[in-house]
Amino acid sequence: MITWLRVLGVVVLLLGVVAAIVCSVQFVGDANYYEIVAAYERHPNHAIFQAEYWAAAGRHWALLVAAVAGLFVGLTTGSTLIALAEILRRLPPR
């Protein structure tokens, strides 16, 4: 049980960090968003450019939220599982 908790903790921690890295790379490299922002800045009152901007902005900022959440959840859950395995290892057997 202790080994499985430790392995699960490491896997969850790594998955959270990898998810955060992938989302961060996509967030920074979102060229479509930057093109739409440039078009929106040229024509801020045009309804089509506004609609395209808000659609692209939703995806763009969702990537940032996913990166932060993935890192936070991965680190906290993985660390908690690893700590629980260590606590169970130190307890005397019944």
N, C-alpha and C. Protein backbone atom coordinates (compact mmCIF):
# COMPACT_ATOMS: atom_id res chain seq x y z
N MET A 1 0.82 -1.19 0.00
CA MET A 1 0.00 0.00 0.00
C MET A 1 0.87 1.26 0.00
N ILE A 2 1.91 1.23 0.79
CA ILE A 2 2.79 2.40 0.88
C ILE A 2 3.49 2.64 -0.45
N THR A 3 3.95 1.58 -1.06
CA THR A 3 4.62 1.73 -2.36
C THR A 3 3.66 2.26 -3.41
N TRP A 4 2.42 1.76 -3.41
CA TRP A 4 1.44 2.24 -4.38
C TRP A 4 1.10 3.71 -4.17
N LEU A 5 1.00 4.13 -2.91
CA LEU A 5 0.74 5.54 -2.64
C LEU A 5 1.89 6.41 -3.13
N ARG A 6 3.10 5.95 -2.90
CA ARG A 6 4.26 6.69 -3.35
C ARG A 6 4.31 6.79 -4.88
N VAL A 7 4.06 5.67 -5.54
CA VAL A 7 4.06 5.65 -7.01
C VAL A 7 2.94 6.54 -7.55
N LEU A 8 1.76 6.43 -6.96
CA LEU A 8 0.64 7.26 -7.40
C LEU A 8 0.94 8.75 -7.17
N GLY A 9 1.57 9.07 -6.06
CA GLY A 9 1.95 10.46 -5.79
C GLY A 9 2.92 11.00 -6.82
N VAL A 10 3.91 10.20 -7.18
CA VAL A 10 4.88 10.64 -8.18
C VAL A 10 4.22 10.79 -9.54
N VAL A 11 3.35 9.85 -9.90
CA VAL A 11 2.66 9.92 -11.19
C VAL A 11 1.77 11.15 -11.26
N VAL A 12 0.99 11.41 -10.22
CA VAL A 12 0.11 12.58 -10.20
C VAL A 12 0.93 13.87 -10.25
N LEU A 13 2.02 13.91 -9.51
CA LEU A 13 2.88 15.09 -9.52
C LEU A 13 3.44 15.34 -10.91
N LEU A 14 3.95 14.30 -11.55
CA LEU A 14 4.52 14.44 -12.89
C LEU A 14 3.46 14.82 -13.92
N LEU A 15 2.27 14.22 -13.83
CA LEU A 15 1.20 14.56 -14.76
C LEU A 15 0.78 16.02 -14.62
N GLY A 16 0.72 16.51 -13.40
CA GLY A 16 0.36 17.91 -13.19
C GLY A 16 1.41 18.85 -13.76
N VAL A 17 2.67 18.54 -13.56
CA VAL A 17 3.74 19.39 -14.07
C VAL A 17 3.79 19.33 -15.60
N VAL A 18 3.63 18.14 -16.16
CA VAL A 18 3.63 18.01 -17.62
C VAL A 18 2.45 18.75 -18.23
N ALA A 19 1.28 18.63 -17.62
CA ALA A 19 0.10 19.36 -18.12
C ALA A 19 0.33 20.86 -18.05
N ALA A 20 0.94 21.33 -16.98
CA ALA A 20 1.23 22.77 -16.85
C ALA A 20 2.22 23.23 -17.91
N ILE A 21 3.22 22.41 -18.18
CA ILE A 21 4.21 22.78 -19.20
C ILE A 21 3.57 22.83 -20.58
N VAL A 22 2.77 21.82 -20.90
CA VAL A 22 2.11 21.78 -22.22
C VAL A 22 1.18 22.99 -22.38
N CYS A 23 0.38 23.28 -21.38
CA CYS A 23 -0.53 24.42 -21.47
C CYS A 23 0.24 25.74 -21.53
N SER A 24 1.34 25.85 -20.83
CA SER A 24 2.15 27.07 -20.88
C SER A 24 2.76 27.29 -22.25
N VAL A 25 3.26 26.22 -22.85
CA VAL A 25 3.84 26.33 -24.18
C VAL A 25 2.77 26.74 -25.19
N GLN A 26 1.60 26.14 -25.08
CA GLN A 26 0.51 26.52 -25.99
C GLN A 26 0.04 27.94 -25.73
N PHE A 27 0.06 28.37 -24.49
CA PHE A 27 -0.35 29.74 -24.13
C PHE A 27 0.61 30.76 -24.76
N VAL A 28 1.89 30.52 -24.64
CA VAL A 28 2.88 31.45 -25.17
C VAL A 28 2.91 31.41 -26.70
N GLY A 29 2.73 30.24 -27.28
CA GLY A 29 2.82 30.11 -28.73
C GLY A 29 1.50 30.22 -29.46
N ASP A 30 0.51 30.84 -28.84
CA ASP A 30 -0.81 30.97 -29.45
C ASP A 30 -0.80 32.11 -30.47
N ALA A 31 -0.25 31.84 -31.66
CA ALA A 31 -0.11 32.87 -32.70
C ALA A 31 -1.46 33.35 -33.21
N ASN A 32 -2.44 32.46 -33.24
CA ASN A 32 -3.77 32.84 -33.71
C ASN A 32 -4.36 33.95 -32.83
N TYR A 33 -4.17 33.84 -31.53
CA TYR A 33 -4.67 34.85 -30.61
C TYR A 33 -4.03 36.21 -30.88
N TYR A 34 -2.72 36.21 -31.08
CA TYR A 34 -2.02 37.48 -31.30
C TYR A 34 -2.41 38.12 -32.63
N GLU A 35 -2.68 37.30 -33.65
CA GLU A 35 -3.17 37.85 -34.92
C GLU A 35 -4.56 38.46 -34.75
N ILE A 36 -5.42 37.79 -34.02
CA ILE A 36 -6.77 38.30 -33.80
C ILE A 36 -6.73 39.57 -32.95
N VAL A 37 -5.83 39.64 -31.97
CA VAL A 37 -5.69 40.85 -31.16
C VAL A 37 -5.24 42.02 -32.03
N ALA A 38 -4.31 41.78 -32.94
CA ALA A 38 -3.84 42.85 -33.82
C ALA A 38 -4.98 43.34 -34.71
N ALA A 39 -5.79 42.43 -35.23
CA ALA A 39 -6.92 42.84 -36.07
C ALA A 39 -7.96 43.58 -35.25
N TYR A 40 -8.18 43.14 -34.02
CA TYR A 40 -9.16 43.79 -33.14
C TYR A 40 -8.70 45.20 -32.76
N GLU A 41 -7.39 45.38 -32.57
CA GLU A 41 -6.87 46.72 -32.25
C GLU A 41 -7.03 47.68 -33.41
N ARG A 42 -6.97 47.18 -34.64
CA ARG A 42 -7.17 48.04 -35.80
C ARG A 42 -8.63 48.44 -35.97
N HIS A 43 -9.55 47.53 -35.60
CA HIS A 43 -10.99 47.78 -35.79
C HIS A 43 -11.73 47.42 -34.50
N PRO A 44 -11.61 48.22 -33.45
CA PRO A 44 -12.20 47.84 -32.15
C PRO A 44 -13.73 47.89 -32.12
N ASN A 45 -14.36 48.61 -33.02
CA ASN A 45 -15.82 48.73 -32.97
C ASN A 45 -16.54 47.79 -33.93
N HIS A 46 -15.80 46.98 -34.65
CA HIS A 46 -16.41 46.07 -35.62
C HIS A 46 -16.86 44.80 -34.91
N ALA A 47 -18.11 44.41 -35.13
CA ALA A 47 -18.70 43.30 -34.39
C ALA A 47 -18.02 41.96 -34.70
N ILE A 48 -17.63 41.75 -35.94
CA ILE A 48 -16.99 40.47 -36.28
C ILE A 48 -15.64 40.35 -35.59
N PHE A 49 -14.86 41.43 -35.57
CA PHE A 49 -13.56 41.38 -34.89
C PHE A 49 -13.73 41.22 -33.39
N GLN A 50 -14.77 41.82 -32.82
CA GLN A 50 -15.03 41.64 -31.40
C GLN A 50 -15.38 40.19 -31.08
N ALA A 51 -16.23 39.59 -31.91
CA ALA A 51 -16.61 38.20 -31.69
C ALA A 51 -15.41 37.26 -31.81
N GLU A 52 -14.58 37.49 -32.83
CA GLU A 52 -13.38 36.67 -32.98
C GLU A 52 -12.43 36.85 -31.80
N TYR A 53 -12.32 38.09 -31.33
CA TYR A 53 -11.43 38.35 -30.20
C TYR A 53 -11.90 37.61 -28.95
N TRP A 54 -13.19 37.70 -28.63
CA TRP A 54 -13.68 37.07 -27.41
C TRP A 54 -13.60 35.55 -27.48
N ALA A 55 -13.80 35.00 -28.66
CA ALA A 55 -13.66 33.55 -28.81
C ALA A 55 -12.20 33.12 -28.62
N ALA A 56 -11.29 33.87 -29.22
CA ALA A 56 -9.86 33.54 -29.08
C ALA A 56 -9.36 33.83 -27.66
N ALA A 57 -9.87 34.89 -27.06
CA ALA A 57 -9.44 35.24 -25.70
C ALA A 57 -9.88 34.17 -24.70
N GLY A 58 -11.08 33.63 -24.90
CA GLY A 58 -11.54 32.57 -24.00
C GLY A 58 -10.63 31.37 -24.01
N ARG A 59 -10.23 30.94 -25.19
CA ARG A 59 -9.32 29.80 -25.29
C ARG A 59 -7.94 30.15 -24.74
N HIS A 60 -7.48 31.35 -25.06
CA HIS A 60 -6.15 31.77 -24.65
C HIS A 60 -6.03 31.81 -23.12
N TRP A 61 -6.99 32.43 -22.47
CA TRP A 61 -6.92 32.56 -21.02
C TRP A 61 -7.28 31.25 -20.32
N ALA A 62 -8.06 30.40 -20.98
CA ALA A 62 -8.32 29.08 -20.41
C ALA A 62 -7.05 28.24 -20.36
N LEU A 63 -6.16 28.44 -21.33
CA LEU A 63 -4.87 27.75 -21.29
C LEU A 63 -4.05 28.19 -20.08
N LEU A 64 -4.09 29.48 -19.77
CA LEU A 64 -3.36 29.96 -18.60
C LEU A 64 -3.96 29.39 -17.31
N VAL A 65 -5.26 29.37 -17.22
CA VAL A 65 -5.92 28.80 -16.04
C VAL A 65 -5.60 27.31 -15.91
N ALA A 66 -5.61 26.60 -17.02
CA ALA A 66 -5.29 25.17 -16.99
C ALA A 66 -3.84 24.93 -16.57
N ALA A 67 -2.93 25.81 -16.99
CA ALA A 67 -1.52 25.66 -16.60
C ALA A 67 -1.36 25.86 -15.10
N VAL A 68 -1.97 26.90 -14.57
CA VAL A 68 -1.86 27.18 -13.13
C VAL A 68 -2.55 26.09 -12.32
N ALA A 69 -3.75 25.69 -12.76
CA ALA A 69 -4.48 24.65 -12.02
C ALA A 69 -3.77 23.31 -12.10
N GLY A 70 -3.24 22.97 -13.25
CA GLY A 70 -2.51 21.71 -13.38
C GLY A 70 -1.29 21.66 -12.47
N LEU A 71 -0.57 22.76 -12.43
CA LEU A 71 0.61 22.81 -11.57
C LEU A 71 0.20 22.74 -10.10
N PHE A 72 -0.81 23.49 -9.72
CA PHE A 72 -1.25 23.52 -8.32
C PHE A 72 -1.79 22.16 -7.88
N VAL A 73 -2.70 21.62 -8.67
CA VAL A 73 -3.32 20.33 -8.30
C VAL A 73 -2.28 19.22 -8.34
N GLY A 74 -1.43 19.21 -9.34
CA GLY A 74 -0.40 18.18 -9.43
C GLY A 74 0.54 18.21 -8.25
N LEU A 75 1.01 19.40 -7.91
CA LEU A 75 1.96 19.51 -6.80
C LEU A 75 1.31 19.20 -5.45
N THR A 76 0.13 19.74 -5.21
CA THR A 76 -0.50 19.52 -3.90
C THR A 76 -0.97 18.09 -3.73
N THR A 77 -1.62 17.52 -4.75
CA THR A 77 -2.12 16.15 -4.62
C THR A 77 -0.97 15.15 -4.59
N GLY A 78 0.00 15.33 -5.47
CA GLY A 78 1.14 14.41 -5.48
C GLY A 78 1.93 14.47 -4.19
N SER A 79 2.16 15.67 -3.69
CA SER A 79 2.89 15.82 -2.43
C SER A 79 2.11 15.23 -1.26
N THR A 80 0.80 15.39 -1.28
CA THR A 80 -0.02 14.84 -0.21
C THR A 80 0.03 13.31 -0.22
N LEU A 81 -0.03 12.71 -1.38
CA LEU A 81 0.05 11.25 -1.46
C LEU A 81 1.42 10.73 -1.02
N ILE A 82 2.47 11.42 -1.41
CA ILE A 82 3.81 11.01 -1.00
C ILE A 82 3.97 11.18 0.52
N ALA A 83 3.45 12.27 1.06
CA ALA A 83 3.51 12.48 2.52
C ALA A 83 2.70 11.44 3.27
N LEU A 84 1.53 11.08 2.74
CA LEU A 84 0.72 10.05 3.38
C LEU A 84 1.45 8.70 3.38
N ALA A 85 2.12 8.39 2.29
CA ALA A 85 2.90 7.14 2.25
C ALA A 85 4.01 7.17 3.29
N GLU A 86 4.65 8.31 3.47
CA GLU A 86 5.73 8.41 4.46
C GLU A 86 5.18 8.32 5.88
N ILE A 87 4.03 8.91 6.11
CA ILE A 87 3.41 8.82 7.44
C ILE A 87 3.03 7.38 7.74
N LEU A 88 2.44 6.69 6.78
CA LEU A 88 2.07 5.29 6.99
C LEU A 88 3.29 4.41 7.18
N ARG A 89 4.40 4.73 6.55
CA ARG A 89 5.62 3.95 6.72
C ARG A 89 6.16 4.08 8.14
N ARG A 90 6.00 5.27 8.72
CA ARG A 90 6.56 5.49 10.06
C ARG A 90 5.66 4.98 11.20
N LEU A 91 4.40 4.74 10.89
CA LEU A 91 3.51 4.22 11.93
C LEU A 91 3.87 2.79 12.29
N PRO A 92 3.74 2.43 13.55
CA PRO A 92 4.01 1.04 13.92
C PRO A 92 2.90 0.13 13.37
N PRO A 93 3.26 -1.09 12.99
CA PRO A 93 2.22 -2.02 12.48
C PRO A 93 1.27 -2.42 13.60
N ARG A 94 0.04 -2.71 13.25
CA ARG A 94 -0.94 -3.10 14.26
C ARG A 94 -0.88 -4.54 14.57
